[in-house]
Protein backbone atom coordinates (compact mmCIF):
# COMPACT_ATOMS: atom_id res chain seq x y z
CA MET A 1 -4.19 -26.83 0.69
CA GLY A 2 -6.27 -29.30 2.71
CA THR A 3 -7.96 -27.69 5.71
CA TRP A 4 -5.87 -24.51 5.65
CA ARG A 5 -7.79 -21.29 6.15
CA PRO A 6 -6.30 -17.84 6.75
CA ARG A 7 -6.33 -16.24 10.18
CA LEU A 8 -4.83 -12.99 8.87
CA ILE A 9 -5.90 -11.37 5.59
CA ALA A 10 -3.83 -8.51 4.19
CA LEU A 11 -5.52 -6.41 1.52
CA ASP A 12 -4.01 -3.77 -0.73
CA ILE A 13 -6.36 -0.87 -1.53
CA ASP A 14 -5.86 0.71 -4.96
CA GLY A 15 -6.40 -1.82 -7.72
CA THR A 16 -7.45 -4.45 -5.17
CA LEU A 17 -10.31 -3.17 -3.02
CA ILE A 18 -10.90 -0.09 -5.15
CA GLN A 19 -10.55 0.38 -8.88
CA TRP A 20 -7.73 2.88 -9.44
CA VAL A 21 -8.06 5.20 -12.42
CA GLU A 22 -5.25 7.67 -13.11
CA GLY A 23 -6.50 11.22 -12.71
CA GLN A 24 -9.69 10.16 -10.92
CA GLY A 25 -8.28 10.65 -7.45
CA GLN A 26 -9.87 9.58 -4.18
CA GLU A 27 -13.01 11.70 -4.16
CA ASN A 28 -15.66 9.19 -5.20
CA GLU A 29 -14.31 5.87 -4.01
CA THR A 30 -16.61 2.90 -3.62
CA ILE A 31 -16.15 -0.74 -2.68
CA ALA A 32 -18.29 -3.32 -4.45
CA PRO A 33 -21.00 -4.86 -2.23
CA ALA A 34 -19.72 -8.36 -3.00
CA VAL A 35 -16.26 -7.41 -1.74
CA LYS A 36 -17.56 -5.85 1.47
CA GLN A 37 -19.78 -8.88 2.11
CA ALA A 38 -16.85 -11.27 1.59
CA VAL A 39 -14.64 -9.27 3.96
CA HIS A 40 -17.30 -9.43 6.65
CA ARG A 41 -17.76 -13.17 6.15
CA ALA A 42 -14.03 -13.48 6.82
CA LEU A 43 -14.35 -11.36 9.96
CA ASP A 44 -17.31 -13.41 11.14
CA GLY A 45 -15.25 -16.52 10.41
CA GLY A 46 -12.59 -15.38 12.88
CA ALA A 47 -10.02 -13.86 10.52
CA GLN A 48 -8.24 -10.57 11.17
CA VAL A 49 -8.31 -8.17 8.20
CA VAL A 50 -5.50 -5.66 7.76
CA LEU A 51 -5.26 -2.99 5.07
CA ALA A 52 -1.72 -2.67 3.68
CA SER A 53 -1.15 0.20 1.28
CA GLY A 54 1.26 2.76 -0.07
CA ARG A 55 -1.28 5.36 0.98
CA SER A 56 -0.81 7.67 3.93
CA ILE A 57 -2.69 7.00 7.16
CA ASP A 58 -5.15 9.80 6.42
CA ALA A 59 -5.99 8.33 3.00
CA MET A 60 -6.52 4.84 4.44
CA VAL A 61 -8.95 5.71 7.23
CA PRO A 62 -11.87 6.47 4.84
CA VAL A 63 -11.44 2.99 3.33
CA LEU A 64 -11.78 1.45 6.79
CA HIS A 65 -15.08 3.28 7.06
CA LEU A 66 -16.19 2.14 3.60
CA LEU A 67 -15.55 -1.44 4.69
CA ASP A 68 -16.97 -0.85 8.18
CA LEU A 69 -13.93 -2.60 9.64
CA HIS A 70 -13.82 -0.65 12.89
CA ARG A 71 -17.24 -1.66 14.21
CA ASP A 72 -16.37 -3.48 17.40
CA GLU A 73 -12.65 -3.17 18.11
CA HIS A 74 -9.40 -1.57 17.06
CA VAL A 75 -8.07 -2.53 13.66
CA TRP A 76 -4.55 -2.50 12.27
CA ILE A 77 -3.26 -0.51 9.30
CA VAL A 78 0.03 -0.89 7.44
CA ALA A 79 0.53 2.50 5.76
CA SER A 80 3.19 4.15 3.60
CA ASN A 81 4.35 0.77 2.19
CA GLY A 82 5.20 -0.53 5.66
CA GLY A 83 6.86 2.62 6.96
CA VAL A 84 4.06 3.22 9.46
CA VAL A 85 2.03 0.69 11.47
CA VAL A 86 -1.14 2.04 13.07
CA ARG A 87 -4.05 1.00 15.26
CA TYR A 88 -7.41 2.70 14.78
CA PRO A 89 -9.61 4.25 16.16
CA PRO A 90 -8.27 6.70 17.13
CA VAL A 91 -5.06 6.87 15.08
CA GLU A 92 -2.27 5.39 17.20
CA VAL A 93 1.13 5.10 15.51
CA VAL A 94 2.53 1.85 16.89
CA HIS A 95 5.72 1.80 14.84
CA GLU A 96 7.43 4.07 12.35
CA GLU A 97 10.64 3.70 10.34
CA ARG A 98 12.56 6.81 9.27
CA PHE A 99 15.66 7.30 7.14
CA ASP A 100 17.88 9.97 5.60
CA ALA A 101 16.58 10.35 2.04
CA ALA A 102 18.54 13.44 1.03
CA ASP A 103 21.20 11.76 -1.12
CA ALA A 104 18.71 9.56 -2.96
CA VAL A 105 16.40 12.50 -3.69
CA ARG A 106 19.27 14.64 -4.99
CA ALA A 107 20.46 11.81 -7.25
CA ILE A 108 16.99 11.35 -8.73
CA LEU A 109 16.46 15.06 -9.28
CA GLU A 110 19.76 15.30 -11.16
CA GLU A 111 18.20 13.09 -13.84
CA HIS A 112 14.59 14.27 -13.43
CA PRO A 113 14.98 17.91 -12.38
CA THR A 114 11.28 18.72 -12.82
CA ALA A 115 10.04 15.75 -10.79
CA LEU A 116 7.70 16.45 -7.88
CA VAL A 117 8.71 15.47 -4.34
CA ALA A 118 6.38 14.81 -1.38
CA VAL A 119 6.74 13.88 2.29
CA GLU A 120 3.77 12.95 4.47
CA GLU A 121 2.62 15.38 7.17
CA TYR A 122 0.44 13.43 9.64
CA GLY A 123 -3.08 14.74 10.03
CA VAL A 124 -2.60 17.41 7.37
CA GLY A 125 -1.55 15.89 4.05
CA TYR A 126 1.85 16.34 2.46
CA ARG A 127 4.70 18.79 2.20
CA VAL A 128 5.51 19.00 -1.52
CA SER A 129 8.07 20.66 -3.76
CA HIS A 130 5.28 21.58 -6.20
CA GLU A 131 1.60 20.65 -6.35
CA PHE A 132 0.84 17.13 -7.55
CA PRO A 133 -1.76 16.41 -10.25
CA PRO A 134 -5.34 16.63 -8.92
CA GLY A 135 -6.50 13.64 -6.89
CA GLU A 136 -3.09 12.00 -6.48
CA LEU A 137 -2.46 13.04 -2.87
CA SER A 138 -4.92 13.26 -0.01
CA GLY A 139 -5.18 16.22 2.33
CA THR A 140 -3.50 19.61 2.06
CA GLN A 141 -0.36 20.15 -0.01
CA ILE A 142 2.13 22.50 1.65
CA ILE A 143 4.72 23.89 -0.78
CA THR A 144 8.18 23.37 0.72
CA ASP A 145 11.74 23.66 -0.60
CA VAL A 146 13.18 20.24 -1.49
CA GLU A 147 16.17 20.64 0.83
CA ASP A 148 13.79 21.35 3.71
CA LEU A 149 11.67 18.30 2.79
CA VAL A 150 14.60 15.96 3.38
CA ALA A 151 16.52 17.94 6.01
CA GLU A 152 15.34 15.50 8.69
CA PRO A 153 14.76 11.72 8.53
CA VAL A 154 11.41 10.77 6.96
CA ASN A 155 9.34 7.59 6.76
CA ARG A 156 8.86 7.82 2.99
CA VAL A 157 9.47 10.10 0.04
CA ILE A 158 7.28 10.17 -3.07
CA ILE A 159 8.88 11.12 -6.39
CA ARG A 160 6.47 11.84 -9.24
CA ASP A 161 7.25 12.92 -12.78
CA PRO A 162 4.11 13.36 -14.92
CA ALA A 163 6.34 13.74 -17.99
CA ALA A 164 7.96 10.31 -17.50
CA THR A 165 6.79 6.69 -17.68
CA PRO A 166 6.94 3.83 -15.18
CA GLU A 167 9.57 2.21 -17.40
CA ASP A 168 11.69 5.37 -17.14
CA PHE A 169 11.60 5.09 -13.36
CA VAL A 170 12.36 1.36 -13.37
CA ALA A 171 15.46 2.04 -15.47
CA LEU A 172 16.37 5.00 -13.25
CA GLY A 173 16.27 2.90 -10.09
CA ARG A 174 18.47 0.23 -11.63
CA ARG A 175 20.90 2.79 -12.97
CA LEU A 176 21.29 4.79 -9.76
CA GLY A 177 21.38 1.83 -7.39
CA LEU A 178 19.94 4.05 -4.64
CA HIS A 179 22.13 2.52 -1.94
CA ASN A 180 20.69 2.27 1.58
CA THR A 181 17.24 2.96 0.16
CA GLU A 182 14.33 0.73 -0.84
CA TYR A 183 12.19 1.87 -3.75
CA VAL A 184 9.08 0.73 -5.56
CA ILE A 185 7.58 1.95 -8.82
CA GLY A 186 3.84 2.49 -9.21
CA TRP A 187 1.51 2.25 -12.20
CA SER A 188 2.59 5.72 -13.30
CA ALA A 189 5.99 7.45 -13.08
CA TRP A 190 5.71 7.33 -9.30
CA MET A 191 8.54 6.16 -7.04
CA ASP A 192 8.27 5.54 -3.30
CA LEU A 193 11.53 5.70 -1.36
CA SER A 194 11.69 4.01 2.03
CA PRO A 195 14.29 2.69 4.50
CA ILE A 196 16.19 -0.50 3.69
CA GLY A 197 14.22 -3.56 4.76
CA VAL A 198 10.91 -1.73 4.99
CA SER A 199 7.99 -2.99 2.92
CA LYS A 200 4.40 -4.04 3.36
CA ALA A 201 5.79 -7.42 4.42
CA SER A 202 7.86 -5.96 7.26
CA GLY A 203 4.87 -3.96 8.48
CA LEU A 204 2.61 -7.01 8.30
CA ALA A 205 5.16 -9.08 10.21
CA ARG A 206 4.87 -6.60 13.09
CA VAL A 207 1.08 -6.79 13.01
CA ALA A 208 1.12 -10.58 12.83
CA ASP A 209 3.46 -10.74 15.82
CA ALA A 210 1.18 -8.46 17.83
CA LEU A 211 -1.82 -10.63 16.93
CA GLY A 212 -0.03 -13.93 17.57
CA VAL A 213 -0.44 -15.02 13.95
CA GLY A 214 2.25 -16.41 11.63
CA ALA A 215 3.03 -15.81 7.99
CA ASP A 216 1.95 -19.41 7.45
CA GLU A 217 -1.57 -18.37 8.48
CA THR A 218 -1.71 -15.30 6.26
CA LEU A 219 -3.43 -14.58 2.94
CA ALA A 220 -2.33 -11.45 1.06
CA ILE A 221 -3.95 -9.95 -2.03
CA GLY A 222 -2.49 -7.17 -4.17
CA ASP A 223 -1.82 -5.94 -7.67
CA GLY A 224 1.28 -3.71 -7.70
CA ARG A 225 5.05 -3.84 -7.45
CA ASN A 226 4.80 -2.59 -3.88
CA ASP A 227 2.86 -5.79 -3.06
CA LEU A 228 5.59 -8.19 -4.15
CA GLU A 229 7.27 -8.62 -0.75
CA MET A 230 3.88 -9.02 0.92
CA LEU A 231 2.77 -11.70 -1.55
CA ARG A 232 6.04 -13.59 -1.04
CA TRP A 233 5.86 -13.31 2.75
CA ALA A 234 2.34 -14.63 3.12
CA HIS A 235 1.59 -18.35 3.00
CA ARG A 236 -0.79 -17.57 0.16
CA GLY A 237 -0.08 -14.54 -2.00
CA VAL A 238 -2.73 -13.76 -4.62
CA ALA A 239 -2.41 -11.31 -7.52
CA MET A 240 -5.38 -9.42 -8.92
CA GLY A 241 -6.39 -10.33 -12.44
CA GLN A 242 -5.27 -7.00 -13.93
CA ALA A 243 -1.87 -7.04 -12.17
CA ILE A 244 1.28 -6.73 -14.23
CA ASP A 245 3.01 -9.96 -15.23
CA GLU A 246 5.83 -9.40 -12.74
CA VAL A 247 3.35 -9.55 -9.87
CA LYS A 248 1.44 -12.52 -11.29
CA ARG A 249 4.65 -14.53 -11.65
CA GLU A 250 5.51 -14.05 -7.97
CA ALA A 251 2.03 -14.87 -6.70
CA ASP A 252 0.79 -18.29 -5.65
CA ASP A 253 -2.41 -17.72 -7.58
CA VAL A 254 -4.29 -15.11 -9.60
CA THR A 255 -7.86 -14.11 -8.85
CA ALA A 256 -10.31 -12.08 -10.95
CA SER A 257 -9.68 -8.41 -11.70
CA VAL A 258 -10.78 -5.57 -9.45
CA GLU A 259 -13.64 -4.85 -11.87
CA GLU A 260 -14.77 -8.46 -11.42
CA ASP A 261 -14.59 -8.35 -7.59
CA GLY A 262 -11.40 -10.40 -7.40
CA VAL A 263 -11.10 -9.99 -3.62
CA ALA A 264 -14.58 -11.47 -3.16
CA VAL A 265 -13.73 -14.36 -5.49
CA GLU A 266 -10.64 -15.25 -3.46
CA LEU A 267 -12.18 -14.79 -0.01
CA SER A 268 -15.17 -16.90 -1.01
CA ARG A 269 -12.84 -19.88 -1.36
CA TRP A 270 -12.21 -19.77 2.38
CA PHE A 271 -15.35 -18.06 3.66
CA PRO A 272 -18.18 -19.02 1.29
CA ALA A 273 -21.57 -17.39 1.34
CA GLN A 274 -24.28 -19.42 2.99
CA PRO A 275 -26.83 -20.88 0.55
């Protein structure tokens, strides 16, 4: 890569900055000291660091504080898999994409009638058809009829079926087609529905444009299916060591696992610690 060094660094959260354990939730999150130190070396080296996650805004802000990213100036957040682009502090929604999810939700529930449905409620938590398993959603869960959840355009819909597998949902998405809707499958039977063309990559492109940075100056690190577009978009897309094979195949490189401080390993290539 010669003298290339990233000016924009996009970091996924769960499984990248923070070890994600099903059922553990977001109550006791920590970021390894080596990772935080590497992120701050990148900041000191002139790079912009952006968190890009499937999480809601409210669930991302505590991670900004863990990393101490907001010390001197506003920082950018790509939330809800690209559906919402935010500056912080305070929370300023710069861009939001919404879509009519009603048909897609009905089609999914025909095959998974007991699946849980959630829609983000800014500053509160989520409106949900039924309560999600402990620790899976941040904030308050407000029980709401499904038809009311999707009566108006939304930025994202979460479908969760604790009785199913990720493979079940992958097959479901292929089978239904879900026209006019983007979808990504998580580590569990968790499906995020979003507007066509919306992904972490589309959100990052907006941030990069605002910062005057190009994709050719961007490093992205992630571990999940919802990171694929981001890894392809960035000049250098890096998969975490524990990522599924599908993500590793699409990445330009693979770093160490989250347990082995993979983000620090990758960032140290471009922003090494001083001896």
